[in-house]
Amino acid sequence: MMTGLLFLIGLQRYGKGDWRSISRNVVVSRTPTQVASHAQKYFLRQNSMKKERKRSSIHDITTTSDTVVVPPPPPGSFGGGGVSTGQLGYEQNFGYTM
């Protein structure tokens, strides 16, 4: 079982603050000090999530409904469209001759 899940089981069984019992009887791979440190971080995280719902990852960003839609460029422009830049001459691509 994962240590975090074992921590929650120990917390339910022995209550907040009895880190020694949680360490000895449930999360046997951690010392009481390590369990207490984990608990401190766990409760800080719980409190901060209640105050403001932070996103846990940059990949959790959502868009809003008032997002501006940018139309595609007109055909024949540099952004793509009718003619690929490989078919244009150097002068047309970069604005000056070689």
PDB file of N, CA and C in Angstrom:
ATOM      1  N   MET A   1       0.836  -1.192   0.000  1.00  0.00           N
ATOM      2  CA  MET A   1       0.000   0.000   0.000  1.00  0.00           C
ATOM      3  C   MET A   1       0.874   1.247   0.000  1.00  0.00           C
ATOM      4  N   MET A   2       0.338   2.322  -0.537  1.00  0.00           N
ATOM      5  CA  MET A   2       1.078   3.569  -0.563  1.00  0.00           C
ATOM      6  C   MET A   2       1.113   4.197   0.825  1.00  0.00           C
ATOM      7  N   THR A   3       2.245   4.859   1.108  1.00  0.00           N
ATOM      8  CA  THR A   3       2.436   5.461   2.423  1.00  0.00           C
ATOM      9  C   THR A   3       1.359   6.489   2.736  1.00  0.00           C
ATOM     10  N   GLY A   4       0.954   7.293   1.727  1.00  0.00           N
ATOM     11  CA  GLY A   4      -0.074   8.308   1.949  1.00  0.00           C
ATOM     12  C   GLY A   4      -1.398   7.708   2.372  1.00  0.00           C
ATOM     13  N   LEU A   5      -1.745   6.601   1.746  1.00  0.00           N
ATOM     14  CA  LEU A   5      -2.996   5.933   2.104  1.00  0.00           C
ATOM     15  C   LEU A   5      -2.896   5.336   3.510  1.00  0.00           C
ATOM     16  N   LEU A   6      -1.740   4.758   3.807  1.00  0.00           N
ATOM     17  CA  LEU A   6      -1.537   4.224   5.157  1.00  0.00           C
ATOM     18  C   LEU A   6      -1.611   5.335   6.193  1.00  0.00           C
ATOM     19  N   PHE A   7      -1.061   6.487   5.844  1.00  0.00           N
ATOM     20  CA  PHE A   7      -1.135   7.633   6.752  1.00  0.00           C
ATOM     21  C   PHE A   7      -2.586   7.982   7.061  1.00  0.00           C
ATOM     22  N   LEU A   8      -3.422   8.018   6.034  1.00  0.00           N
ATOM     23  CA  LEU A   8      -4.838   8.356   6.244  1.00  0.00           C
ATOM     24  C   LEU A   8      -5.549   7.305   7.094  1.00  0.00           C
ATOM     25  N   ILE A   9      -5.195   6.044   6.897  1.00  0.00           N
ATOM     26  CA  ILE A   9      -5.781   4.980   7.718  1.00  0.00           C
ATOM     27  C   ILE A   9      -5.351   5.161   9.178  1.00  0.00           C
ATOM     28  N   GLY A  10      -4.057   5.435   9.388  1.00  0.00           N
ATOM     29  CA  GLY A  10      -3.559   5.661  10.743  1.00  0.00           C
ATOM     30  C   GLY A  10      -4.173   6.891  11.384  1.00  0.00           C
ATOM     31  N   LEU A  11      -4.368   7.934  10.594  1.00  0.00           N
ATOM     32  CA  LEU A  11      -4.985   9.164  11.099  1.00  0.00           C
ATOM     33  C   LEU A  11      -6.417   8.891  11.556  1.00  0.00           C
ATOM     34  N   GLN A  12      -7.132   8.085  10.779  1.00  0.00           N
ATOM     35  CA  GLN A  12      -8.505   7.741  11.147  1.00  0.00           C
ATOM     36  C   GLN A  12      -8.522   6.864  12.408  1.00  0.00           C
ATOM     37  N   ARG A  13      -7.579   5.934  12.501  1.00  0.00           N
ATOM     38  CA  ARG A  13      -7.551   4.997  13.616  1.00  0.00           C
ATOM     39  C   ARG A  13      -7.065   5.638  14.919  1.00  0.00           C
ATOM     40  N   TYR A  14      -5.998   6.457  14.853  1.00  0.00           N
ATOM     41  CA  TYR A  14      -5.370   6.979  16.077  1.00  0.00           C
ATOM     42  C   TYR A  14      -5.594   8.466  16.300  1.00  0.00           C
ATOM     43  N   GLY A  15      -6.080   9.162  15.306  1.00  0.00           N
ATOM     44  CA  GLY A  15      -6.365  10.579  15.469  1.00  0.00           C
ATOM     45  C   GLY A  15      -5.168  11.470  15.207  1.00  0.00           C
ATOM     46  N   LYS A  16      -5.463  12.743  15.099  1.00  0.00           N
ATOM     47  CA  LYS A  16      -4.441  13.747  14.808  1.00  0.00           C
ATOM     48  C   LYS A  16      -3.548  13.935  16.028  1.00  0.00           C
ATOM     49  N   GLY A  17      -2.250  13.809  15.829  1.00  0.00           N
ATOM     50  CA  GLY A  17      -1.305  14.042  16.904  1.00  0.00           C
ATOM     51  C   GLY A  17      -0.627  12.805  17.456  1.00  0.00           C
ATOM     52  N   ASP A  18      -1.201  11.631  17.250  1.00  0.00           N
ATOM     53  CA  ASP A  18      -0.589  10.408  17.778  1.00  0.00           C
ATOM     54  C   ASP A  18       0.329   9.802  16.710  1.00  0.00           C
ATOM     55  N   TRP A  19       1.364  10.552  16.366  1.00  0.00           N
ATOM     56  CA  TRP A  19       2.255  10.159  15.272  1.00  0.00           C
ATOM     57  C   TRP A  19       3.049   8.908  15.613  1.00  0.00           C
ATOM     58  N   ARG A  20       3.363   8.725  16.894  1.00  0.00           N
ATOM     59  CA  ARG A  20       4.129   7.549  17.299  1.00  0.00           C
ATOM     60  C   ARG A  20       3.333   6.275  17.046  1.00  0.00           C
ATOM     61  N   SER A  21       2.046   6.266  17.406  1.00  0.00           N
ATOM     62  CA  SER A  21       1.215   5.076  17.178  1.00  0.00           C
ATOM     63  C   SER A  21       1.013   4.823  15.686  1.00  0.00           C
ATOM     64  N   ILE A  22       0.823   5.906  14.929  1.00  0.00           N
ATOM     65  CA  ILE A  22       0.657   5.751  13.483  1.00  0.00           C
ATOM     66  C   ILE A  22       1.934   5.151  12.892  1.00  0.00           C
ATOM     67  N   SER A  23       3.078   5.632  13.342  1.00  0.00           N
ATOM     68  CA  SER A  23       4.362   5.147  12.844  1.00  0.00           C
ATOM     69  C   SER A  23       4.611   3.688  13.234  1.00  0.00           C
ATOM     70  N   ARG A  24       4.325   3.347  14.464  1.00  0.00           N
ATOM     71  CA  ARG A  24       4.608   1.989  14.949  1.00  0.00           C
ATOM     72  C   ARG A  24       3.650   0.944  14.395  1.00  0.00           C
ATOM     73  N   ASN A  25       2.385   1.316  14.217  1.00  0.00           N
ATOM     74  CA  ASN A  25       1.366   0.318  13.907  1.00  0.00           C
ATOM     75  C   ASN A  25       0.834   0.351  12.468  1.00  0.00           C
ATOM     76  N   VAL A  26       0.987   1.462  11.780  1.00  0.00           N
ATOM     77  CA  VAL A  26       0.392   1.556  10.449  1.00  0.00           C
ATOM     78  C   VAL A  26       1.447   1.855   9.387  1.00  0.00           C
ATOM     79  N   VAL A  27       2.135   2.962   9.522  1.00  0.00           N
ATOM     80  CA  VAL A  27       3.159   3.350   8.555  1.00  0.00           C
ATOM     81  C   VAL A  27       4.505   2.951   9.138  1.00  0.00           C
ATOM     82  N   VAL A  28       4.775   1.654   9.140  1.00  0.00           N
ATOM     83  CA  VAL A  28       5.955   1.134   9.819  1.00  0.00           C
ATOM     84  C   VAL A  28       7.259   1.496   9.100  1.00  0.00           C
ATOM     85  N   SER A  29       7.186   1.954   7.880  1.00  0.00           N
ATOM     86  CA  SER A  29       8.394   2.324   7.135  1.00  0.00           C
ATOM     87  C   SER A  29       8.854   3.752   7.434  1.00  0.00           C
ATOM     88  N   ARG A  30       8.128   4.477   8.301  1.00  0.00           N
ATOM     89  CA  ARG A  30       8.465   5.869   8.630  1.00  0.00           C
ATOM     90  C   ARG A  30       8.592   6.051  10.137  1.00  0.00           C
ATOM     91  N   THR A  31       9.466   6.973  10.510  1.00  0.00           N
ATOM     92  CA  THR A  31       9.641   7.305  11.926  1.00  0.00           C
ATOM     93  C   THR A  31       8.511   8.242  12.359  1.00  0.00           C
ATOM     94  N   PRO A  32       8.298   8.387  13.667  1.00  0.00           N
ATOM     95  CA  PRO A  32       7.274   9.332  14.133  1.00  0.00           C
ATOM     96  C   PRO A  32       7.527  10.760  13.637  1.00  0.00           C
ATOM     97  N   THR A  33       8.798  11.159  13.561  1.00  0.00           N
ATOM     98  CA  THR A  33       9.122  12.498  13.072  1.00  0.00           C
ATOM     99  C   THR A  33       8.728  12.648  11.603  1.00  0.00           C
ATOM    100  N   GLN A  34       8.984  11.608  10.803  1.00  0.00           N
ATOM    101  CA  GLN A  34       8.608  11.654   9.390  1.00  0.00           C
ATOM    102  C   GLN A  34       7.088  11.691   9.219  1.00  0.00           C
ATOM    103  N   VAL A  35       6.385  10.938  10.035  1.00  0.00           N
ATOM    104  CA  VAL A  35       4.915  10.942   9.979  1.00  0.00           C
ATOM    105  C   VAL A  35       4.381  12.318  10.367  1.00  0.00           C
ATOM    106  N   ALA A  36       4.962  12.918  11.408  1.00  0.00           N
ATOM    107  CA  ALA A  36       4.535  14.252  11.839  1.00  0.00           C
ATOM    108  C   ALA A  36       4.806  15.287  10.753  1.00  0.00           C
ATOM    109  N   SER A  37       5.942  15.181  10.072  1.00  0.00           N
ATOM    110  CA  SER A  37       6.277  16.102   8.989  1.00  0.00           C
ATOM    111  C   SER A  37       5.292  15.954   7.835  1.00  0.00           C
ATOM    112  N   HIS A  38       4.970  14.704   7.510  1.00  0.00           N
ATOM    113  CA  HIS A  38       3.987  14.457   6.452  1.00  0.00           C
ATOM    114  C   HIS A  38       2.625  15.022   6.841  1.00  0.00           C
ATOM    115  N   ALA A  39       2.252  14.843   8.092  1.00  0.00           N
ATOM    116  CA  ALA A  39       0.969  15.343   8.576  1.00  0.00           C
ATOM    117  C   ALA A  39       0.905  16.865   8.477  1.00  0.00           C
ATOM    118  N   GLN A  40       1.999  17.512   8.854  1.00  0.00           N
ATOM    119  CA  GLN A  40       2.034  18.975   8.779  1.00  0.00           C
ATOM    120  C   GLN A  40       1.801  19.448   7.350  1.00  0.00           C
ATOM    121  N   LYS A  41       2.493  18.830   6.412  1.00  0.00           N
ATOM    122  CA  LYS A  41       2.320  19.200   4.995  1.00  0.00           C
ATOM    123  C   LYS A  41       0.905  18.866   4.518  1.00  0.00           C
ATOM    124  N   TYR A  42       0.399  17.714   4.936  1.00  0.00           N
ATOM    125  CA  TYR A  42      -0.940  17.284   4.542  1.00  0.00           C
ATOM    126  C   TYR A  42      -2.001  18.284   5.004  1.00  0.00           C
ATOM    127  N   PHE A  43      -1.928  18.702   6.270  1.00  0.00           N
ATOM    128  CA  PHE A  43      -2.937  19.624   6.791  1.00  0.00           C
ATOM    129  C   PHE A  43      -2.786  21.027   6.204  1.00  0.00           C
ATOM    130  N   LEU A  44      -1.574  21.458   5.940  1.00  0.00           N
ATOM    131  CA  LEU A  44      -1.378  22.753   5.255  1.00  0.00           C
ATOM    132  C   LEU A  44      -2.000  22.716   3.863  1.00  0.00           C
ATOM    133  N   ARG A  45      -1.794  21.601   3.162  1.00  0.00           N
ATOM    134  CA  ARG A  45      -2.366  21.447   1.818  1.00  0.00           C
ATOM    135  C   ARG A  45      -3.888  21.438   1.872  1.00  0.00           C
ATOM    136  N   GLN A  46      -4.444  20.762   2.870  1.00  0.00           N
ATOM    137  CA  GLN A  46      -5.901  20.720   3.020  1.00  0.00           C
ATOM    138  C   GLN A  46      -6.467  22.112   3.265  1.00  0.00           C
ATOM    139  N   ASN A  47      -5.812  22.883   4.139  1.00  0.00           N
ATOM    140  CA  ASN A  47      -6.289  24.231   4.447  1.00  0.00           C
ATOM    141  C   ASN A  47      -6.159  25.163   3.257  1.00  0.00           C
ATOM    142  N   SER A  48      -5.070  25.066   2.526  1.00  0.00           N
ATOM    143  CA  SER A  48      -4.895  25.965   1.381  1.00  0.00           C
ATOM    144  C   SER A  48      -5.887  25.631   0.274  1.00  0.00           C
ATOM    145  N   MET A  49      -6.238  24.369   0.125  1.00  0.00           N
ATOM    146  CA  MET A  49      -7.206  23.986  -0.901  1.00  0.00           C
ATOM    147  C   MET A  49      -8.599  24.494  -0.547  1.00  0.00           C
ATOM    148  N   LYS A  50      -8.895  24.597   0.739  1.00  0.00           N
ATOM    149  CA  LYS A  50     -10.198  25.109   1.143  1.00  0.00           C
ATOM    150  C   LYS A  50     -10.296  26.612   0.891  1.00  0.00           C
ATOM    151  N   LYS A  51      -9.204  27.341   1.154  1.00  0.00           N
ATOM    152  CA  LYS A  51      -9.213  28.789   0.995  1.00  0.00           C
ATOM    153  C   LYS A  51      -9.333  29.200  -0.467  1.00  0.00           C
ATOM    154  N   GLU A  52      -8.505  28.610  -1.297  1.00  0.00           N
ATOM    155  CA  GLU A  52      -8.572  28.908  -2.721  1.00  0.00           C
ATOM    156  C   GLU A  52      -8.251  27.638  -3.478  1.00  0.00           C
ATOM    157  N   ARG A  53      -9.035  27.372  -4.447  1.00  0.00           N
ATOM    158  CA  ARG A  53      -8.843  26.163  -5.238  1.00  0.00           C
ATOM    159  C   ARG A  53      -7.705  26.373  -6.220  1.00  0.00           C
ATOM    160  N   LYS A  54      -6.501  26.062  -5.777  1.00  0.00           N
ATOM    161  CA  LYS A  54      -5.337  26.194  -6.647  1.00  0.00           C
ATOM    162  C   LYS A  54      -5.338  25.050  -7.648  1.00  0.00           C
ATOM    163  N   ARG A  55      -4.823  25.333  -8.833  1.00  0.00           N
ATOM    164  CA  ARG A  55      -4.647  24.238  -9.771  1.00  0.00           C
ATOM    165  C   ARG A  55      -3.346  23.540  -9.403  1.00  0.00           C
ATOM    166  N   SER A  56      -3.334  22.245  -9.460  1.00  0.00           N
ATOM    167  CA  SER A  56      -2.167  21.499  -9.046  1.00  0.00           C
ATOM    168  C   SER A  56      -1.114  21.415 -10.137  1.00  0.00           C
ATOM    169  N   SER A  57      -1.486  21.745 -11.356  1.00  0.00           N
ATOM    170  CA  SER A  57      -0.541  21.648 -12.454  1.00  0.00           C
ATOM    171  C   SER A  57      -0.862  22.704 -13.481  1.00  0.00           C
ATOM    172  N   ILE A  58       0.135  23.123 -14.203  1.00  0.00           N
ATOM    173  CA  ILE A  58      -0.081  24.086 -15.281  1.00  0.00           C
ATOM    174  C   ILE A  58      -0.935  23.467 -16.385  1.00  0.00           C
ATOM    175  N   HIS A  59      -0.964  22.144 -16.456  1.00  0.00           N
ATOM    176  CA  HIS A  59      -1.750  21.460 -17.478  1.00  0.00           C
ATOM    177  C   HIS A  59      -3.243  21.416 -17.137  1.00  0.00           C
ATOM    178  N   ASP A  60      -3.609  21.902 -15.954  1.00  0.00           N
ATOM    179  CA  ASP A  60      -5.008  21.919 -15.547  1.00  0.00           C
ATOM    180  C   ASP A  60      -5.703  23.224 -15.921  1.00  0.00           C
ATOM    181  N   ILE A  61      -5.064  24.065 -16.712  1.00  0.00           N
ATOM    182  CA  ILE A  61      -5.637  25.355 -17.085  1.00  0.00           C
ATOM    183  C   ILE A  61      -6.855  25.129 -17.974  1.00  0.00           C
ATOM    184  N   THR A  62      -7.913  25.868 -17.685  1.00  0.00           N
ATOM    185  CA  THR A  62      -9.111  25.794 -18.516  1.00  0.00           C
ATOM    186  C   THR A  62      -9.321  27.131 -19.193  1.00  0.00           C
ATOM    187  N   THR A  63     -10.016  27.106 -20.308  1.00  0.00           N
ATOM    188  CA  THR A  63     -10.287  28.341 -21.032  1.00  0.00           C
ATOM    189  C   THR A  63     -11.645  28.883 -20.626  1.00  0.00           C
ATOM    190  N   THR A  64     -11.842  30.163 -20.883  1.00  0.00           N
ATOM    191  CA  THR A  64     -13.128  30.780 -20.585  1.00  0.00           C
ATOM    192  C   THR A  64     -13.944  30.893 -21.857  1.00  0.00           C
ATOM    193  N   SER A  65     -15.215  31.154 -21.703  1.00  0.00           N
ATOM    194  CA  SER A  65     -16.093  31.226 -22.865  1.00  0.00           C
ATOM    195  C   SER A  65     -15.895  32.506 -23.669  1.00  0.00           C
ATOM    196  N   ASP A  66     -15.239  33.529 -23.098  1.00  0.00           N
ATOM    197  CA  ASP A  66     -15.051  34.778 -23.828  1.00  0.00           C
ATOM    198  C   ASP A  66     -13.686  34.832 -24.515  1.00  0.00           C
ATOM    199  N   THR A  67     -13.133  33.674 -24.855  1.00  0.00           N
ATOM    200  CA  THR A  67     -11.863  33.605 -25.554  1.00  0.00           C
ATOM    201  C   THR A  67     -12.031  34.166 -26.966  1.00  0.00           C
ATOM    202  N   VAL A  68     -11.079  34.996 -27.381  1.00  0.00           N
ATOM    203  CA  VAL A  68     -11.128  35.593 -28.707  1.00  0.00           C
ATOM    204  C   VAL A  68     -10.660  34.567 -29.722  1.00  0.00           C
ATOM    205  N   VAL A  69     -11.433  34.396 -30.781  1.00  0.00           N
ATOM    206  CA  VAL A  69     -11.090  33.461 -31.838  1.00  0.00           C
ATOM    207  C   VAL A  69     -10.359  34.231 -32.929  1.00  0.00           C
ATOM    208  N   VAL A  70      -9.159  33.789 -33.275  1.00  0.00           N
ATOM    209  CA  VAL A  70      -8.376  34.446 -34.316  1.00  0.00           C
ATOM    210  C   VAL A  70      -8.666  33.736 -35.627  1.00  0.00           C
ATOM    211  N   PRO A  71      -9.144  34.475 -36.642  1.00  0.00           N
ATOM    212  CA  PRO A  71      -9.465  33.836 -37.921  1.00  0.00           C
ATOM    213  C   PRO A  71      -8.190  33.425 -38.654  1.00  0.00           C
ATOM    214  N   PRO A  72      -8.279  32.448 -39.543  1.00  0.00           N
ATOM    215  CA  PRO A  72      -7.106  32.034 -40.303  1.00  0.00           C
ATOM    216  C   PRO A  72      -6.683  33.142 -41.273  1.00  0.00           C
ATOM    217  N   PRO A  73      -5.404  33.188 -41.648  1.00  0.00           N
ATOM    218  CA  PRO A  73      -4.939  34.222 -42.575  1.00  0.00           C
ATOM    219  C   PRO A  73      -5.543  34.025 -43.956  1.00  0.00           C
ATOM    220  N   PRO A  74      -5.635  35.089 -44.722  1.00  0.00           N
ATOM    221  CA  PRO A  74      -6.207  34.969 -46.068  1.00  0.00           C
ATOM    222  C   PRO A  74      -5.300  34.138 -46.970  1.00  0.00           C
ATOM    223  N   PRO A  75      -5.856  33.507 -47.977  1.00  0.00           N
ATOM    224  CA  PRO A  75      -5.047  32.697 -48.898  1.00  0.00           C
ATOM    225  C   PRO A  75      -3.942  33.538 -49.547  1.00  0.00           C
ATOM    226  N   GLY A  76      -2.752  32.941 -49.679  1.00  0.00           N
ATOM    227  CA  GLY A  76      -1.647  33.620 -50.325  1.00  0.00           C
ATOM    228  C   GLY A  76      -0.788  34.432 -49.379  1.00  0.00           C
ATOM    229  N   SER A  77      -1.164  34.533 -48.094  1.00  0.00           N
ATOM    230  CA  SER A  77      -0.354  35.299 -47.149  1.00  0.00           C
ATOM    231  C   SER A  77       0.714  34.393 -46.552  1.00  0.00           C
ATOM    232  N   PHE A  78       1.627  34.963 -45.774  1.00  0.00           N
ATOM    233  CA  PHE A  78       2.708  34.179 -45.190  1.00  0.00           C
ATOM    234  C   PHE A  78       2.211  33.138 -44.209  1.00  0.00           C
ATOM    235  N   GLY A  79       1.078  33.341 -43.593  1.00  0.00           N
ATOM    236  CA  GLY A  79       0.580  32.413 -42.592  1.00  0.00           C
ATOM    237  C   GLY A  79       0.112  31.102 -43.169  1.00  0.00           C
ATOM    238  N   GLY A  80       0.170  30.924 -44.463  1.00  0.00           N
ATOM    239  CA  GLY A  80      -0.307  29.695 -45.069  1.00  0.00           C
ATOM    240  C   GLY A  80      -1.499  30.015 -45.935  1.00  0.00           C
ATOM    241  N   GLY A  81      -1.970  29.058 -46.580  1.00  0.00           N
ATOM    242  CA  GLY A  81      -3.119  29.285 -47.436  1.00  0.00           C
ATOM    243  C   GLY A  81      -2.860  28.727 -48.813  1.00  0.00           C
ATOM    244  N   GLY A  82      -3.091  29.561 -49.824  1.00  0.00           N
ATOM    245  CA  GLY A  82      -3.058  29.118 -51.212  1.00  0.00           C
ATOM    246  C   GLY A  82      -1.718  28.640 -51.706  1.00  0.00           C
ATOM    247  N   VAL A  83      -0.662  29.406 -51.530  1.00  0.00           N
ATOM    248  CA  VAL A  83       0.625  29.081 -52.128  1.00  0.00           C
ATOM    249  C   VAL A  83       1.634  28.817 -51.021  1.00  0.00           C
ATOM    250  N   SER A  84       2.366  27.718 -51.125  1.00  0.00           N
ATOM    251  CA  SER A  84       3.385  27.459 -50.114  1.00  0.00           C
ATOM    252  C   SER A  84       4.580  28.349 -50.371  1.00  0.00           C
ATOM    253  N   THR A  85       5.331  28.697 -49.325  1.00  0.00           N
ATOM    254  CA  THR A  85       6.459  29.608 -49.472  1.00  0.00           C
ATOM    255  C   THR A  85       7.555  28.992 -50.320  1.00  0.00           C
ATOM    256  N   GLY A  86       7.575  27.690 -50.472  1.00  0.00           N
ATOM    257  CA  GLY A  86       8.565  27.042 -51.326  1.00  0.00           C
ATOM    258  C   GLY A  86       8.362  27.358 -52.789  1.00  0.00           C
ATOM    259  N   GLN A  87       7.139  27.740 -53.165  1.00  0.00           N
ATOM    260  CA  GLN A  87       6.840  28.051 -54.560  1.00  0.00           C
ATOM    261  C   GLN A  87       7.115  29.511 -54.882  1.00  0.00           C
ATOM    262  N   LEU A  88       7.284  30.362 -53.884  1.00  0.00           N
ATOM    263  CA  LEU A  88       7.527  31.774 -54.114  1.00  0.00           C
ATOM    264  C   LEU A  88       9.012  32.011 -54.306  1.00  0.00           C
ATOM    265  N   GLY A  89       9.371  33.079 -55.011  1.00  0.00           N
ATOM    266  CA  GLY A  89      10.763  33.437 -55.186  1.00  0.00           C
ATOM    267  C   GLY A  89      11.320  34.053 -53.920  1.00  0.00           C
ATOM    268  N   TYR A  90      12.645  34.156 -53.857  1.00  0.00           N
ATOM    269  CA  TYR A  90      13.310  34.704 -52.675  1.00  0.00           C
ATOM    270  C   TYR A  90      12.846  36.125 -52.412  1.00  0.00           C
ATOM    271  N   GLU A  91      12.648  36.894 -53.462  1.00  0.00           N
ATOM    272  CA  GLU A  91      12.222  38.289 -53.326  1.00  0.00           C
ATOM    273  C   GLU A  91      10.841  38.371 -52.695  1.00  0.00           C
ATOM    274  N   GLN A  92       9.954  37.468 -53.095  1.00  0.00           N
ATOM    275  CA  GLN A  92       8.593  37.484 -52.547  1.00  0.00           C
ATOM    276  C   GLN A  92       8.586  37.019 -51.086  1.00  0.00           C
ATOM    277  N   ASN A  93       9.456  36.070 -50.749  1.00  0.00           N
ATOM    278  CA  ASN A  93       9.490  35.567 -49.385  1.00  0.00           C
ATOM    279  C   ASN A  93      10.056  36.579 -48.397  1.00  0.00           C
ATOM    280  N   PHE A  94      11.140  37.262 -48.767  1.00  0.00           N
ATOM    281  CA  PHE A  94      11.851  38.070 -47.807  1.00  0.00           C
ATOM    282  C   PHE A  94      11.886  39.553 -48.131  1.00  0.00           C
ATOM    283  N   GLY A  95      11.366  39.958 -49.292  1.00  0.00           N
ATOM    284  CA  GLY A  95      11.220  41.380 -49.601  1.00  0.00           C
ATOM    285  C   GLY A  95      12.437  42.022 -50.230  1.00  0.00           C
ATOM    286  N   TYR A  96      13.485  41.292 -50.551  1.00  0.00           N
ATOM    287  CA  TYR A  96      14.630  41.884 -51.230  1.00  0.00           C
ATOM    288  C   TYR A  96      15.301  40.809 -52.070  1.00  0.00           C
ATOM    289  N   THR A  97      16.075  41.247 -53.039  1.00  0.00           N
ATOM    290  CA  THR A  97      16.734  40.297 -53.939  1.00  0.00           C
ATOM    291  C   THR A  97      18.123  39.970 -53.423  1.00  0.00           C
ATOM    292  N   MET A  98      18.637  38.866 -53.899  1.00  0.00           N
ATOM    293  CA  MET A  98      19.977  38.448 -53.477  1.00  0.00           C
ATOM    294  C   MET A  98      21.046  39.013 -54.363  1.00  0.00           C
TER     295      MET A  98
END
